[in-house]
Protein backbone atom coordinates (compact mmCIF):
# COMPACT_ATOMS: atom_id res chain seq x y z
CA MET A 1 132.55 124.50 56.61
CA SER A 2 131.17 125.55 60.44
CA GLN A 3 127.38 126.15 61.28
CA SER A 4 126.59 129.07 62.13
CA PRO A 5 125.26 129.79 66.18
CA GLU A 6 121.99 130.17 65.44
CA ALA A 7 122.07 126.87 62.97
CA GLU A 8 123.52 125.03 65.46
CA ALA A 9 121.38 125.72 68.27
CA ILE A 10 118.57 125.40 65.89
CA SER A 11 120.57 121.34 64.42
CA MET A 12 120.47 121.22 68.41
CA GLN A 13 116.85 121.34 69.19
CA LEU A 14 115.72 119.55 65.89
CA ASN A 15 117.82 116.75 67.57
CA ARG A 16 116.24 116.98 70.97
CA MET A 17 112.74 116.08 68.48
CA ILE A 18 113.71 113.28 66.56
CA GLU A 19 114.88 111.91 70.26
CA ILE A 20 110.96 112.97 72.10
CA LEU A 21 109.95 111.03 69.01
CA GLU A 22 111.18 108.28 68.89
CA ASP A 23 110.83 107.85 72.85
CA ILE A 24 107.22 108.15 72.36
CA PHE A 25 107.06 105.81 69.55
CA ILE A 26 109.19 102.69 71.53
CA LEU A 27 106.09 104.31 74.18
CA GLN A 28 103.17 103.30 72.23
CA ALA A 29 105.10 100.16 70.46
CA SER A 30 105.97 98.87 74.20
CA ILE A 31 102.02 99.40 75.37
CA ALA A 32 100.94 97.87 72.28
CA GLN A 33 103.90 94.65 73.26
CA MET A 34 105.52 95.07 70.04
CA ASN A 35 108.41 92.29 70.14
CA ARG A 36 111.26 94.33 71.68
CA LYS A 37 113.40 92.84 68.85
CA LYS A 38 111.09 94.27 65.66
CA LEU A 39 110.70 97.16 66.99
CA ARG A 40 114.46 98.28 67.84
CA ALA A 41 114.17 96.50 63.42
CA VAL A 42 111.05 99.54 62.92
CA VAL A 43 112.63 102.50 64.54
CA GLY A 44 116.89 102.16 63.50
CA ILE A 45 118.36 102.72 67.04
CA ASP A 46 120.34 101.37 70.04
CA MET A 47 118.72 97.67 71.51
CA LYS A 48 119.98 99.10 74.94
CA ARG A 49 117.91 102.56 74.63
CA VAL A 50 114.77 100.70 73.50
CA ASN A 51 114.64 98.59 76.70
CA ARG A 52 115.57 101.49 79.30
CA ILE A 53 112.78 103.27 77.80
CA SER A 54 110.52 99.42 77.43
CA LYS A 55 111.54 98.08 80.44
CA HIS A 56 108.47 100.76 82.27
CA ILE A 57 105.83 99.84 80.38
CA LYS A 58 104.03 97.02 82.61
CA PRO A 59 101.71 94.90 81.15
CA SER A 60 98.27 94.68 80.71
CA VAL A 61 96.43 92.46 82.90
CA ASP A 62 94.01 91.50 79.49
CA ALA A 63 98.19 90.13 78.28
CA GLU A 64 98.27 88.12 80.79
CA GLY A 65 95.19 85.84 81.67
């Protein structure tokens, strides 16, 4: 059974919102310096995606010293 065009559009929007929320979670966990493997396990997504997003977060000065 296929969905109506409106239902399909809503489904696509909801999927995109889920992706955005996952990205935000990855960013926040990366800022908190959560281990990437643990983060991947919590979010339940591909490690490539976690790495792609979290690599842009620089360690804080406090964490280096």
